[in-house]
Amino acid sequence: MSATSSNTVTGERADLLETLGKARFFLRFTARDLTDEQAAQRSTVSELSVGGAIKHVTAVERQWARFIVEGPEAVAPADDPQAWATYADGFRLLPGETLAGVLADYEKVAAETDELVRTLPDLDAGHPLPEAPWFEPGARWSARRAIQHIIAETAQHAGHADIIREAIDGSKTMG
């Protein structure tokens, strides 16, 4: 077993956590020194803002961590209009939401996911994916695959946030 305690991991789990941690760092770093107004600003034709990217990644990570534990029931049905409205709201800061609040929620979700990765009995255990037009019928994802998806989603949106931030004030995450 690669987990040696609830706080120390080795091998594959350590690699997964390190890779996810690095992607999270770059996403959070993109938001450094932004006001709430700047964090909510759309600087491209996309619906995304820096705060919205963090909010979206938080929701995605929460959902896929729940999928690892609960299976496809943790994912809202693709034909649920309320789920789609919530999903759309997840790309922007809504009135009353703050960058500090979004970052705090992200930290909470990240800690929960990290603990799941550390303590999951079997990364090969999986579930069928929920029925949706974007999933192959009958496909299954292991816990490992769901964690890899969280990593990919985080890294992708860290890049989006970097472009949005650069268009706001010229700041870059790297370089």
C-alpha atoms as a PDB file:
ATOM      1  CA  MET A   1       0.000   0.000   0.000  1.00  0.00           C
ATOM      2  CA  SER A   2       1.384   3.404  -0.915  1.00  0.00           C
ATOM      3  CA  ALA A   3      -0.225   5.362   1.904  1.00  0.00           C
ATOM      4  CA  THR A   4       1.903   5.168   5.031  1.00  0.00           C
ATOM      5  CA  SER A   5      -0.358   7.309   7.224  1.00  0.00           C
ATOM      6  CA  SER A   6      -3.194   9.751   6.738  1.00  0.00           C
ATOM      7  CA  ASN A   7      -0.628  12.554   6.301  1.00  0.00           C
ATOM      8  CA  THR A   8       2.291  10.892   4.487  1.00  0.00           C
ATOM      9  CA  VAL A   9       2.041   9.194   1.125  1.00  0.00           C
ATOM     10  CA  THR A  10       4.573   7.751  -1.263  1.00  0.00           C
ATOM     11  CA  GLY A  11       4.636   6.522  -4.827  1.00  0.00           C
ATOM     12  CA  GLU A  12       1.743   7.161  -7.140  1.00  0.00           C
ATOM     13  CA  ARG A  13      -0.385   8.923  -4.538  1.00  0.00           C
ATOM     14  CA  ALA A  14       2.439  11.339  -3.742  1.00  0.00           C
ATOM     15  CA  ASP A  15       2.860  12.018  -7.467  1.00  0.00           C
ATOM     16  CA  LEU A  16      -0.865  12.669  -7.924  1.00  0.00           C
ATOM     17  CA  LEU A  17      -0.969  15.020  -4.933  1.00  0.00           C
ATOM     18  CA  GLU A  18       2.177  16.880  -6.001  1.00  0.00           C
ATOM     19  CA  THR A  19       0.907  17.364  -9.554  1.00  0.00           C
ATOM     20  CA  LEU A  20      -2.500  18.511  -8.351  1.00  0.00           C
ATOM     21  CA  GLY A  21      -0.901  20.797  -5.777  1.00  0.00           C
ATOM     22  CA  LYS A  22       1.265  22.460  -8.414  1.00  0.00           C
ATOM     23  CA  ALA A  23      -1.722  23.081 -10.716  1.00  0.00           C
ATOM     24  CA  ARG A  24      -3.699  24.497  -7.776  1.00  0.00           C
ATOM     25  CA  PHE A  25      -0.796  26.778  -6.860  1.00  0.00           C
ATOM     26  CA  PHE A  26      -0.680  28.302 -10.337  1.00  0.00           C
ATOM     27  CA  LEU A  27      -4.455  28.818 -10.385  1.00  0.00           C
ATOM     28  CA  ARG A  28      -4.436  30.520  -6.966  1.00  0.00           C
ATOM     29  CA  PHE A  29      -1.292  32.523  -7.786  1.00  0.00           C
ATOM     30  CA  THR A  30      -3.047  34.030 -10.790  1.00  0.00           C
ATOM     31  CA  ALA A  31      -5.507  35.682  -8.385  1.00  0.00           C
ATOM     32  CA  ARG A  32      -2.818  37.341  -6.252  1.00  0.00           C
ATOM     33  CA  ASP A  33      -3.471  40.982  -5.397  1.00  0.00           C
ATOM     34  CA  LEU A  34      -6.737  41.172  -7.370  1.00  0.00           C
ATOM     35  CA  THR A  35      -9.696  43.127  -6.059  1.00  0.00           C
ATOM     36  CA  ASP A  36     -13.107  41.473  -6.085  1.00  0.00           C
ATOM     37  CA  GLU A  37     -14.002  43.622  -9.102  1.00  0.00           C
ATOM     38  CA  GLN A  38     -10.909  42.498 -11.005  1.00  0.00           C
ATOM     39  CA  ALA A  39     -11.503  38.861 -10.015  1.00  0.00           C
ATOM     40  CA  ALA A  40     -14.999  39.125 -11.498  1.00  0.00           C
ATOM     41  CA  GLN A  41     -13.870  40.929 -14.661  1.00  0.00           C
ATOM     42  CA  ARG A  42     -14.244  39.235 -18.032  1.00  0.00           C
ATOM     43  CA  SER A  43     -11.247  40.398 -20.030  1.00  0.00           C
ATOM     44  CA  THR A  44     -11.900  38.172 -23.066  1.00  0.00           C
ATOM     45  CA  VAL A  45     -15.037  37.124 -24.946  1.00  0.00           C
ATOM     46  CA  SER A  46     -15.218  34.080 -22.688  1.00  0.00           C
ATOM     47  CA  GLU A  47     -17.628  33.946 -19.755  1.00  0.00           C
ATOM     48  CA  LEU A  48     -14.653  33.183 -17.511  1.00  0.00           C
ATOM     49  CA  SER A  49     -13.086  35.527 -15.025  1.00  0.00           C
ATOM     50  CA  VAL A  50     -10.193  34.681 -12.710  1.00  0.00           C
ATOM     51  CA  GLY A  51     -12.637  34.268  -9.816  1.00  0.00           C
ATOM     52  CA  GLY A  52     -15.006  32.311 -12.029  1.00  0.00           C
ATOM     53  CA  ALA A  53     -12.231  29.944 -13.092  1.00  0.00           C
ATOM     54  CA  ILE A  54     -11.407  29.223  -9.454  1.00  0.00           C
ATOM     55  CA  LYS A  55     -15.093  28.807  -8.607  1.00  0.00           C
ATOM     56  CA  HIS A  56     -15.579  26.437 -11.555  1.00  0.00           C
ATOM     57  CA  VAL A  57     -12.525  24.330 -10.705  1.00  0.00           C
ATOM     58  CA  THR A  58     -13.752  24.088  -7.110  1.00  0.00           C
ATOM     59  CA  ALA A  59     -17.144  22.774  -8.256  1.00  0.00           C
ATOM     60  CA  VAL A  60     -15.538  20.303 -10.672  1.00  0.00           C
ATOM     61  CA  GLU A  61     -13.158  18.995  -8.023  1.00  0.00           C
ATOM     62  CA  ARG A  62     -15.988  18.658  -5.492  1.00  0.00           C
ATOM     63  CA  GLN A  63     -18.141  16.766  -7.998  1.00  0.00           C
ATOM     64  CA  TRP A  64     -15.449  14.316  -9.114  1.00  0.00           C
ATOM     65  CA  ALA A  65     -14.337  13.635  -5.540  1.00  0.00           C
ATOM     66  CA  ARG A  66     -17.968  12.816  -4.739  1.00  0.00           C
ATOM     67  CA  PHE A  67     -18.069  10.566  -7.827  1.00  0.00           C
ATOM     68  CA  ILE A  68     -15.074   8.621  -6.491  1.00  0.00           C
ATOM     69  CA  VAL A  69     -16.958   7.931  -3.260  1.00  0.00           C
ATOM     70  CA  GLU A  70     -20.613   7.802  -4.342  1.00  0.00           C
ATOM     71  CA  GLY A  71     -20.560   6.842  -8.010  1.00  0.00           C
ATOM     72  CA  PRO A  72     -22.607   8.337 -10.849  1.00  0.00           C
ATOM     73  CA  GLU A  73     -25.392   9.451  -8.502  1.00  0.00           C
ATOM     74  CA  ALA A  74     -23.051  12.235  -7.359  1.00  0.00           C
ATOM     75  CA  VAL A  75     -23.227  13.846 -10.802  1.00  0.00           C
ATOM     76  CA  ALA A  76     -26.333  15.820 -11.744  1.00  0.00           C
ATOM     77  CA  PRO A  77     -28.225  14.389 -14.731  1.00  0.00           C
ATOM     78  CA  ALA A  78     -27.257  15.961 -18.059  1.00  0.00           C
ATOM     79  CA  ASP A  79     -30.902  16.844 -18.755  1.00  0.00           C
ATOM     80  CA  ASP A  80     -31.513  18.702 -15.461  1.00  0.00           C
ATOM     81  CA  PRO A  81     -32.163  22.412 -16.266  1.00  0.00           C
ATOM     82  CA  GLN A  82     -31.431  23.523 -12.677  1.00  0.00           C
ATOM     83  CA  ALA A  83     -28.097  21.700 -12.758  1.00  0.00           C
ATOM     84  CA  TRP A  84     -27.243  23.499 -16.008  1.00  0.00           C
ATOM     85  CA  ALA A  85     -28.172  26.891 -14.515  1.00  0.00           C
ATOM     86  CA  THR A  86     -25.964  26.182 -11.506  1.00  0.00           C
ATOM     87  CA  TYR A  87     -23.188  25.043 -13.836  1.00  0.00           C
ATOM     88  CA  ALA A  88     -23.431  28.287 -15.849  1.00  0.00           C
ATOM     89  CA  ASP A  89     -23.330  30.378 -12.654  1.00  0.00           C
ATOM     90  CA  GLY A  90     -20.156  28.515 -11.705  1.00  0.00           C
ATOM     91  CA  PHE A  91     -18.141  30.381 -14.326  1.00  0.00           C
ATOM     92  CA  ARG A  92     -18.541  33.808 -12.758  1.00  0.00           C
ATOM     93  CA  LEU A  93     -18.633  35.542  -9.419  1.00  0.00           C
ATOM     94  CA  LEU A  94     -22.232  36.294  -8.518  1.00  0.00           C
ATOM     95  CA  PRO A  95     -23.368  39.345  -6.545  1.00  0.00           C
ATOM     96  CA  GLY A  96     -22.203  38.972  -2.962  1.00  0.00           C
ATOM     97  CA  GLU A  97     -19.442  36.486  -3.795  1.00  0.00           C
ATOM     98  CA  THR A  98     -15.875  37.532  -3.104  1.00  0.00           C
ATOM     99  CA  LEU A  99     -12.507  36.325  -4.259  1.00  0.00           C
ATOM    100  CA  ALA A 100     -11.598  35.585  -0.628  1.00  0.00           C
ATOM    101  CA  GLY A 101     -14.738  33.473  -0.240  1.00  0.00           C
ATOM    102  CA  VAL A 102     -14.107  31.554  -3.462  1.00  0.00           C
ATOM    103  CA  LEU A 103     -10.484  30.910  -2.464  1.00  0.00           C
ATOM    104  CA  ALA A 104     -11.557  29.726   1.009  1.00  0.00           C
ATOM    105  CA  ASP A 105     -14.053  27.293  -0.526  1.00  0.00           C
ATOM    106  CA  TYR A 106     -11.342  26.059  -2.898  1.00  0.00           C
ATOM    107  CA  GLU A 107      -8.947  25.454   0.007  1.00  0.00           C
ATOM    108  CA  LYS A 108     -11.630  23.454   1.835  1.00  0.00           C
ATOM    109  CA  VAL A 109     -12.416  21.305  -1.194  1.00  0.00           C
ATOM    110  CA  ALA A 110      -8.701  20.820  -1.926  1.00  0.00           C
ATOM    111  CA  ALA A 111      -8.056  19.596   1.622  1.00  0.00           C
ATOM    112  CA  GLU A 112     -10.962  17.144   1.361  1.00  0.00           C
ATOM    113  CA  THR A 113      -9.736  15.826  -1.997  1.00  0.00           C
ATOM    114  CA  ASP A 114      -6.180  15.488  -0.726  1.00  0.00           C
ATOM    115  CA  GLU A 115      -7.401  13.469   2.244  1.00  0.00           C
ATOM    116  CA  LEU A 116      -9.427  11.271  -0.118  1.00  0.00           C
ATOM    117  CA  VAL A 117      -6.339  10.617  -2.267  1.00  0.00           C
ATOM    118  CA  ARG A 118      -4.293   9.805   0.849  1.00  0.00           C
ATOM    119  CA  THR A 119      -6.823   7.407   2.364  1.00  0.00           C
ATOM    120  CA  LEU A 120      -8.674   5.789  -0.525  1.00  0.00           C
ATOM    121  CA  PRO A 121      -8.297   2.032  -0.188  1.00  0.00           C
ATOM    122  CA  ASP A 122      -7.900   1.384  -3.931  1.00  0.00           C
ATOM    123  CA  LEU A 123      -7.168   3.788  -6.792  1.00  0.00           C
ATOM    124  CA  ASP A 124      -8.353   1.110  -9.236  1.00  0.00           C
ATOM    125  CA  ALA A 125     -11.872   1.045  -7.774  1.00  0.00           C
ATOM    126  CA  GLY A 126     -14.285   2.745 -10.095  1.00  0.00           C
ATOM    127  CA  HIS A 127     -17.819   3.460 -11.142  1.00  0.00           C
ATOM    128  CA  PRO A 128     -19.719   3.704 -14.386  1.00  0.00           C
ATOM    129  CA  LEU A 129     -19.847   7.238 -15.705  1.00  0.00           C
ATOM    130  CA  PRO A 130     -23.240   8.930 -15.612  1.00  0.00           C
ATOM    131  CA  GLU A 131     -25.244   8.956 -18.812  1.00  0.00           C
ATOM    132  CA  ALA A 132     -24.348  12.063 -20.781  1.00  0.00           C
ATOM    133  CA  PRO A 133     -23.735  12.840 -24.447  1.00  0.00           C
ATOM    134  CA  TRP A 134     -20.051  13.561 -23.752  1.00  0.00           C
ATOM    135  CA  PHE A 135     -19.349  10.154 -22.172  1.00  0.00           C
ATOM    136  CA  GLU A 136     -19.070   6.933 -24.132  1.00  0.00           C
ATOM    137  CA  PRO A 137     -22.022   4.675 -23.233  1.00  0.00           C
ATOM    138  CA  GLY A 138     -21.014   2.100 -20.627  1.00  0.00           C
ATOM    139  CA  ALA A 139     -17.681   3.777 -19.818  1.00  0.00           C
ATOM    140  CA  ARG A 140     -16.181   3.508 -16.338  1.00  0.00           C
ATOM    141  CA  TRP A 141     -13.618   5.637 -14.540  1.00  0.00           C
ATOM    142  CA  SER A 142     -11.378   4.445 -11.762  1.00  0.00           C
ATOM    143  CA  ALA A 143     -10.648   6.708  -8.816  1.00  0.00           C
ATOM    144  CA  ARG A 144      -7.242   7.257 -10.436  1.00  0.00           C
ATOM    145  CA  ARG A 145      -8.856   8.430 -13.688  1.00  0.00           C
ATOM    146  CA  ALA A 146     -11.177  10.806 -11.833  1.00  0.00           C
ATOM    147  CA  ILE A 147      -8.192  12.280  -9.954  1.00  0.00           C
ATOM    148  CA  GLN A 148      -6.332  12.674 -13.260  1.00  0.00           C
ATOM    149  CA  HIS A 149      -9.377  14.493 -14.618  1.00  0.00           C
ATOM    150  CA  ILE A 150      -9.308  16.886 -11.637  1.00  0.00           C
ATOM    151  CA  ILE A 151      -5.630  17.554 -12.354  1.00  0.00           C
ATOM    152  CA  ALA A 152      -6.267  18.176 -16.055  1.00  0.00           C
ATOM    153  CA  GLU A 153      -9.219  20.460 -15.355  1.00  0.00           C
ATOM    154  CA  THR A 154      -7.218  22.456 -12.816  1.00  0.00           C
ATOM    155  CA  ALA A 155      -4.220  22.844 -15.131  1.00  0.00           C
ATOM    156  CA  GLN A 156      -6.403  23.825 -18.089  1.00  0.00           C
ATOM    157  CA  HIS A 157      -8.232  26.513 -16.137  1.00  0.00           C
ATOM    158  CA  ALA A 158      -5.010  27.779 -14.550  1.00  0.00           C
ATOM    159  CA  GLY A 159      -3.933  28.560 -18.116  1.00  0.00           C
ATOM    160  CA  HIS A 160      -7.242  30.253 -18.860  1.00  0.00           C
ATOM    161  CA  ALA A 161      -6.945  32.323 -15.679  1.00  0.00           C
ATOM    162  CA  ASP A 162      -3.415  33.353 -16.634  1.00  0.00           C
ATOM    163  CA  ILE A 163      -4.608  34.717 -19.991  1.00  0.00           C
ATOM    164  CA  ILE A 164      -7.526  36.523 -18.340  1.00  0.00           C
ATOM    165  CA  ARG A 165      -5.228  38.019 -15.683  1.00  0.00           C
ATOM    166  CA  GLU A 166      -2.687  39.184 -18.234  1.00  0.00           C
ATOM    167  CA  ALA A 167      -5.456  40.970 -20.148  1.00  0.00           C
ATOM    168  CA  ILE A 168      -6.575  42.728 -16.938  1.00  0.00           C
ATOM    169  CA  ASP A 169      -3.286  44.219 -15.781  1.00  0.00           C
ATOM    170  CA  GLY A 170      -0.390  42.611 -17.625  1.00  0.00           C
ATOM    171  CA  SER A 171       0.535  40.302 -14.724  1.00  0.00           C
ATOM    172  CA  LYS A 172       1.599  36.790 -15.616  1.00  0.00           C
ATOM    173  CA  THR A 173       1.711  33.624 -13.572  1.00  0.00           C
ATOM    174  CA  MET A 174       5.045  32.672 -15.097  1.00  0.00           C
ATOM    175  CA  GLY A 175       7.584  34.712 -17.020  1.00  0.00           C
END
